[in-house]
């Protein structure tokens, strides 16, 4: 009998089992092992619920930091490809840029215009209902102008583009990765950053400010039309009052457009590159890209608002 067997018999004796017919050497071994076993600690039992909560929180924080690191890497790859295109213009694919400008910009004009027009109508109608109580109907022009030019025009445009373009970027790049076309590019000596990432992000940089400007014009048009119908504010009076609004509001809105474009493009391209070799990963990364892009745009807009407020803009 070794100590393992003695420990097993000692545990059985503690549980109530009668041990008979033991030799003196076996009995002494069992007693020695039983006396050597440390008694169980009677400390406080940790709360598994809080442990699980902290564990999940820690994993999500680490995952978020890793995700930000990967986005920073893709931003650096885009900037490096851009500098390379400036040094070697012959390697830049102008046809691809024009194509993606059409897909991300021109095809988004109708939905952006209609959305911004309706936002202007809603702002004018709701503002008129509130300001009429104080006899300050004319200030509805200032309300529409500041809200549309400074925040709603470019923000809602970026959200629409994020939902529309981030999914398209992820789907196009992800499907190419599933078919191993990106590996084939590298085999042929083609840089995927120059071919895939640079034209798509540059197209967003070109088209999103234009879409934001169109959204501002559509929102002001909808607000002017509703003000004319509800408050009898003629278009000439609306334009006169609009001229008194500080142009800094329009500048503060359009300055956000390039930042939003880079955020949407980098997130969409990163998600496309993370697609695996099955269709399930393509769908998962597409939905993740849309959610992350919209969330990042809203966070960036909040940061812009705080910074502009501190700067007095």
Protein backbone atom coordinates (compact mmCIF):
# COMPACT_ATOMS: atom_id res chain seq x y z
CA UNK A 1 0.00 0.00 0.00
CA UNK A 2 1.35 3.42 -0.94
CA UNK A 3 0.32 6.85 0.39
CA UNK A 4 -2.32 7.29 -2.33
CA UNK A 5 -4.08 4.12 -1.21
CA UNK A 6 -3.72 5.13 2.44
CA UNK A 7 -5.22 8.54 1.67
CA UNK A 8 -8.17 6.90 -0.08
CA UNK A 9 -8.83 4.58 2.87
CA UNK A 10 -8.47 7.47 5.34
CA UNK A 11 -11.10 9.43 3.40
CA UNK A 12 -13.36 6.38 3.36
CA UNK A 13 -12.98 5.99 7.14
CA UNK A 14 -13.90 9.65 7.67
CA UNK A 15 -17.02 9.02 5.60
CA UNK A 16 -18.08 6.23 7.99
CA UNK A 17 -16.57 3.12 6.41
CA UNK A 18 -15.29 0.50 8.88
CA UNK A 19 -11.77 -0.72 8.14
CA UNK A 20 -11.08 -4.28 9.44
CA UNK A 21 -8.22 -6.75 9.11
CA UNK A 22 -5.51 -4.08 8.67
CA UNK A 23 -1.96 -4.99 9.50
CA UNK A 24 -0.07 -2.84 11.95
CA UNK A 25 2.06 -1.28 9.21
CA UNK A 26 -1.00 -0.42 7.11
CA UNK A 27 -2.85 1.00 10.10
CA UNK A 28 0.13 3.18 11.03
CA UNK A 29 0.44 4.39 7.41
CA UNK A 30 -3.23 5.31 7.29
CA UNK A 31 -2.96 7.21 10.58
CA UNK A 32 0.14 9.05 9.41
CA UNK A 33 -1.53 10.07 6.16
CA UNK A 34 -4.72 11.10 7.94
CA UNK A 35 -2.78 13.33 10.34
CA UNK A 36 -0.74 14.84 7.52
CA UNK A 37 -3.76 15.97 5.47
CA UNK A 38 -4.42 19.66 6.10
CA UNK A 39 -7.94 20.51 7.25
CA UNK A 40 -10.09 22.32 4.66
CA UNK A 41 -9.98 26.10 4.85
CA UNK A 42 -13.19 27.70 5.93
CA UNK A 43 -12.71 31.05 4.26
CA UNK A 44 -15.33 33.13 2.56
CA UNK A 45 -16.67 31.61 -0.64
CA UNK A 46 -16.06 34.06 -3.49
CA UNK A 47 -19.10 35.42 -5.30
CA UNK A 48 -19.08 33.73 -8.69
CA UNK A 49 -21.46 36.32 -10.13
CA UNK A 50 -19.12 39.26 -9.58
CA UNK A 51 -16.18 37.16 -10.72
CA UNK A 52 -17.95 36.41 -14.00
CA UNK A 53 -18.92 40.06 -14.48
CA UNK A 54 -15.36 41.25 -13.93
CA UNK A 55 -14.00 38.53 -16.17
CA UNK A 56 -16.35 39.43 -19.04
CA UNK A 57 -15.64 43.14 -18.58
CA UNK A 58 -11.90 42.56 -18.65
CA UNK A 59 -12.14 40.45 -21.81
CA UNK A 60 -14.24 43.11 -23.54
CA UNK A 61 -11.85 45.88 -22.56
CA UNK A 62 -8.88 43.91 -23.86
CA UNK A 63 -10.81 43.09 -27.04
CA UNK A 64 -11.72 46.75 -27.55
CA UNK A 65 -8.11 47.84 -27.11
CA UNK A 66 -7.01 45.21 -29.62
CA UNK A 67 -9.70 46.41 -32.05
CA UNK A 68 -8.52 50.04 -31.74
CA UNK A 69 -4.96 48.85 -32.35
CA UNK A 70 -6.04 47.09 -35.54
CA UNK A 71 -7.95 50.18 -36.73
CA UNK A 72 -4.87 52.32 -36.10
CA UNK A 73 -2.86 49.85 -38.14
CA UNK A 74 -5.29 50.11 -41.07
CA UNK A 75 -5.24 53.90 -40.82
CA UNK A 76 -1.46 53.78 -41.05
CA UNK A 77 -1.67 51.45 -44.04
CA UNK A 78 -4.04 53.87 -45.78
CA UNK A 79 -1.76 56.85 -45.11
CA UNK A 80 1.28 54.88 -46.29
CA UNK A 81 -0.52 53.91 -49.50
CA UNK A 82 -1.57 57.54 -50.02
CA UNK A 83 2.02 58.77 -49.66
CA UNK A 84 3.17 56.06 -52.03
CA UNK A 85 0.57 57.16 -54.58
CA UNK A 86 1.79 60.76 -54.29
CA UNK A 87 5.39 59.68 -54.88
CA UNK A 88 4.48 57.24 -57.68
CA UNK A 89 1.31 58.53 -59.40
CA UNK A 90 1.51 55.80 -62.04
CA UNK A 91 0.62 53.20 -59.39
CA UNK A 92 -2.58 55.02 -58.40
CA UNK A 93 -5.78 53.56 -59.87
CA UNK A 94 -7.85 56.55 -60.99
CA UNK A 95 -10.50 54.37 -62.63
CA UNK A 96 -11.14 52.57 -59.36
CA UNK A 97 -11.43 55.91 -57.53
CA UNK A 98 -14.02 57.20 -60.02
CA UNK A 99 -16.00 53.96 -59.78
CA UNK A 100 -16.12 54.05 -55.98
CA UNK A 101 -17.02 57.76 -56.02
CA UNK A 102 -20.01 56.82 -58.13
CA UNK A 103 -20.97 53.93 -55.87
CA UNK A 104 -20.52 55.70 -52.53
CA UNK A 105 -21.46 59.24 -53.56
CA UNK A 106 -23.63 59.54 -56.63
CA UNK A 107 -25.90 56.61 -55.80
CA UNK A 108 -26.42 57.94 -52.26
CA UNK A 109 -27.65 61.36 -53.39
CA UNK A 110 -31.39 60.52 -53.60
CA UNK A 111 -31.69 58.99 -50.12
CA UNK A 112 -29.53 61.70 -48.54
CA UNK A 113 -31.54 64.46 -50.22
CA UNK A 114 -34.93 63.02 -49.25
CA UNK A 115 -33.82 62.33 -45.67
CA UNK A 116 -32.42 65.83 -45.15
CA UNK A 117 -35.46 67.44 -46.79
CA UNK A 118 -37.78 65.63 -44.40
CA UNK A 119 -35.57 66.52 -41.43
CA UNK A 120 -35.90 70.19 -42.38
CA UNK A 121 -39.67 69.82 -42.66
CA UNK A 122 -39.90 68.19 -39.23
CA UNK A 123 -37.68 70.82 -37.60
CA UNK A 124 -39.73 73.66 -39.07
CA UNK A 125 -43.05 72.09 -38.06
CA UNK A 126 -41.99 71.26 -34.50
CA UNK A 127 -40.19 74.57 -34.05
CA UNK A 128 -43.20 76.50 -35.25
CA UNK A 129 -45.46 74.68 -32.79
CA UNK A 130 -43.22 75.70 -29.88
CA UNK A 131 -42.13 79.20 -30.90
CA UNK A 132 -45.65 80.29 -31.82
CA UNK A 133 -46.50 80.23 -28.10
CA UNK A 134 -44.01 83.06 -27.53
CA UNK A 135 -44.62 85.01 -30.71
CA UNK A 136 -41.10 84.23 -31.92
CA UNK A 137 -41.94 82.37 -35.12
CA UNK A 138 -39.21 84.13 -37.07
CA UNK A 139 -36.54 82.40 -34.96
CA UNK A 140 -37.52 79.08 -36.51
CA UNK A 141 -35.14 80.04 -39.32
CA UNK A 142 -32.24 80.18 -36.88
CA UNK A 143 -33.33 76.87 -35.37
CA UNK A 144 -33.38 75.13 -38.75
CA UNK A 145 -30.14 76.70 -39.96
CA UNK A 146 -28.07 75.93 -36.87
CA UNK A 147 -29.47 72.42 -36.38
CA UNK A 148 -29.06 71.39 -40.02
CA UNK A 149 -25.78 73.12 -40.84
CA UNK A 150 -23.98 72.33 -37.62
CA UNK A 151 -25.20 68.87 -36.60
CA UNK A 152 -28.04 67.04 -38.29
CA UNK A 153 -27.07 67.49 -41.92
CA UNK A 154 -23.61 65.95 -41.80
CA UNK A 155 -24.34 63.55 -38.93
CA UNK A 156 -27.34 61.89 -40.54
CA UNK A 157 -25.54 61.83 -43.87
CA UNK A 158 -22.58 60.07 -42.26
CA UNK A 159 -24.92 57.57 -40.58
CA UNK A 160 -26.59 56.77 -43.90
CA UNK A 161 -23.23 56.42 -45.64
CA UNK A 162 -21.96 54.27 -42.76
CA UNK A 163 -24.88 51.90 -43.07
CA UNK A 164 -24.72 51.86 -46.84
CA UNK A 165 -21.01 51.99 -47.62
CA UNK A 166 -19.44 50.20 -44.64
CA UNK A 167 -21.51 47.12 -45.44
CA UNK A 168 -20.61 47.37 -49.13
CA UNK A 169 -16.89 47.68 -48.37
CA UNK A 170 -16.98 44.70 -46.03
CA UNK A 171 -18.97 42.58 -48.47
CA UNK A 172 -16.79 43.37 -51.49
CA UNK A 173 -13.42 42.92 -49.78
CA UNK A 174 -14.68 39.96 -47.72
CA UNK A 175 -15.96 38.10 -50.78
CA UNK A 176 -12.61 38.66 -52.48
CA UNK A 177 -10.85 37.22 -49.46
CA UNK A 178 -13.18 34.22 -49.40
CA UNK A 179 -12.29 33.49 -53.04
CA UNK A 180 -8.57 33.98 -52.23
CA UNK A 181 -8.32 36.86 -54.71
CA UNK A 182 -6.32 38.94 -52.22
CA UNK A 183 -3.76 36.14 -51.92
CA UNK A 184 -3.62 36.05 -55.71
CA UNK A 185 -2.93 39.81 -55.76
CA UNK A 186 0.02 39.38 -53.42
CA UNK A 187 1.29 36.50 -55.58
CA UNK A 188 1.18 38.76 -58.64
CA UNK A 189 3.09 41.49 -56.79
CA UNK A 190 0.08 43.79 -56.30
CA UNK A 191 -0.32 45.65 -53.02
CA UNK A 192 -3.87 45.17 -51.61
CA UNK A 193 -3.57 48.50 -49.78
CA UNK A 194 -3.06 50.33 -53.08
CA UNK A 195 -5.69 48.33 -54.96
CA UNK A 196 -8.43 47.91 -52.35
CA UNK A 197 -8.08 50.26 -49.39
CA UNK A 198 -6.78 53.51 -50.93
CA UNK A 199 -9.43 54.01 -53.67
CA UNK A 200 -12.32 53.21 -51.35
CA UNK A 201 -11.28 55.51 -48.51
CA UNK A 202 -10.30 58.31 -50.90
CA UNK A 203 -13.70 58.01 -52.58
CA UNK A 204 -15.36 58.57 -49.21
CA UNK A 205 -13.07 61.54 -48.54
CA UNK A 206 -14.17 63.10 -51.82
CA UNK A 207 -17.87 62.32 -51.75
CA UNK A 208 -18.90 62.68 -48.09
CA UNK A 209 -18.29 66.47 -47.91
CA UNK A 210 -20.27 66.87 -51.13
CA UNK A 211 -23.10 64.75 -49.73
CA UNK A 212 -22.99 66.81 -46.53
CA UNK A 213 -23.34 70.02 -48.52
CA UNK A 214 -26.27 68.59 -50.47
CA UNK A 215 -27.86 67.48 -47.20
CA UNK A 216 -27.54 71.02 -45.81
CA UNK A 217 -29.19 72.49 -48.91
CA UNK A 218 -31.98 69.90 -48.81
CA UNK A 219 -32.63 70.48 -45.10
CA UNK A 220 -32.81 74.23 -45.56
CA UNK A 221 -35.13 73.78 -48.54
CA UNK A 222 -37.48 71.57 -46.55
CA UNK A 223 -37.42 73.98 -43.61
CA UNK A 224 -38.10 76.97 -45.89
CA UNK A 225 -41.02 75.20 -47.54
CA UNK A 226 -42.64 74.21 -44.24
CA UNK A 227 -42.04 77.69 -42.77
CA UNK A 228 -43.82 79.18 -45.78
CA UNK A 229 -46.77 76.84 -45.37
CA UNK A 230 -47.13 76.94 -41.58
CA UNK A 231 -45.77 80.35 -40.55
CA UNK A 232 -46.25 82.38 -43.76
CA UNK A 233 -42.51 83.12 -43.83
CA UNK A 234 -41.84 83.83 -47.49
CA UNK A 235 -38.73 82.39 -49.17
CA UNK A 236 -37.22 85.89 -49.49
CA UNK A 237 -37.72 86.52 -45.78
CA UNK A 238 -36.31 83.10 -45.00
CA UNK A 239 -33.18 83.87 -47.05
CA UNK A 240 -32.85 87.28 -45.39
CA UNK A 241 -33.01 85.75 -41.94
CA UNK A 242 -30.71 82.92 -43.04
CA UNK A 243 -28.09 85.46 -44.07
CA UNK A 244 -27.85 86.62 -40.47
CA UNK A 245 -26.79 83.15 -39.28
CA UNK A 246 -23.05 82.90 -38.69
CA UNK A 247 -21.24 80.98 -41.42
CA UNK A 248 -19.14 79.27 -38.75
CA UNK A 249 -22.02 76.85 -38.16
CA UNK A 250 -21.74 75.57 -41.73
CA UNK A 251 -17.95 75.34 -41.47
CA UNK A 252 -18.18 73.46 -38.17
CA UNK A 253 -20.45 70.92 -39.83
CA UNK A 254 -18.42 70.39 -43.00
CA UNK A 255 -15.13 70.08 -41.09
CA UNK A 256 -16.43 66.82 -39.63
CA UNK A 257 -16.98 65.22 -43.03
CA UNK A 258 -13.37 64.12 -43.79
CA UNK A 259 -12.99 62.62 -40.30
CA UNK A 260 -16.26 60.71 -40.65
CA UNK A 261 -15.18 59.50 -44.10
CA UNK A 262 -11.88 58.11 -42.81
CA UNK A 263 -13.64 56.42 -39.88
CA UNK A 264 -16.23 54.73 -42.11
CA UNK A 265 -13.68 53.68 -44.71
CA UNK A 266 -11.14 52.27 -42.27
CA UNK A 267 -13.76 50.33 -40.31
CA UNK A 268 -15.32 48.91 -43.47
CA UNK A 269 -11.99 47.86 -45.01
CA UNK A 270 -10.77 46.38 -41.72
CA UNK A 271 -13.93 44.31 -41.35
CA UNK A 272 -13.58 43.06 -44.92
CA UNK A 273 -10.02 41.92 -44.28
CA UNK A 274 -11.15 40.02 -41.17
CA UNK A 275 -13.63 37.83 -43.08
CA UNK A 276 -12.85 34.13 -42.93
CA UNK A 277 -13.45 31.48 -45.55
CA UNK A 278 -17.12 30.86 -44.80
CA UNK A 279 -20.29 32.84 -45.53
CA UNK A 280 -21.16 33.05 -41.84
CA UNK A 281 -18.11 35.19 -41.09
CA UNK A 282 -18.98 37.46 -44.02
CA UNK A 283 -22.44 38.18 -42.63
CA UNK A 284 -21.12 38.61 -39.11
CA UNK A 285 -18.39 41.05 -40.11
CA UNK A 286 -20.77 43.00 -42.37
CA UNK A 287 -23.24 43.64 -39.55
CA UNK A 288 -20.37 44.37 -37.16
CA UNK A 289 -18.90 46.94 -39.57
CA UNK A 290 -22.21 48.80 -39.86
CA UNK A 291 -22.77 48.93 -36.11
CA UNK A 292 -19.18 49.93 -35.34
CA UNK A 293 -19.10 52.60 -38.05
CA UNK A 294 -22.34 54.23 -36.89
CA UNK A 295 -21.25 54.10 -33.25
CA UNK A 296 -17.83 55.56 -34.09
CA UNK A 297 -19.41 58.38 -36.12
CA UNK A 298 -21.69 59.33 -33.23
CA UNK A 299 -18.78 59.25 -30.76
CA UNK A 300 -16.66 61.41 -33.09
CA UNK A 301 -19.52 63.90 -33.48
CA UNK A 302 -19.85 64.16 -29.69
CA UNK A 303 -16.10 64.80 -29.40
CA UNK A 304 -16.33 67.49 -32.09
CA UNK A 305 -19.21 69.15 -30.22
CA UNK A 306 -17.22 69.26 -26.98
CA UNK A 307 -14.09 70.59 -28.70
CA UNK A 308 -16.01 73.26 -30.63
CA UNK A 309 -17.82 74.30 -27.47
CA UNK A 310 -14.53 74.70 -25.61
CA UNK A 311 -13.07 76.66 -28.52
CA UNK A 312 -16.12 78.91 -28.71
CA UNK A 313 -16.97 77.94 -32.28
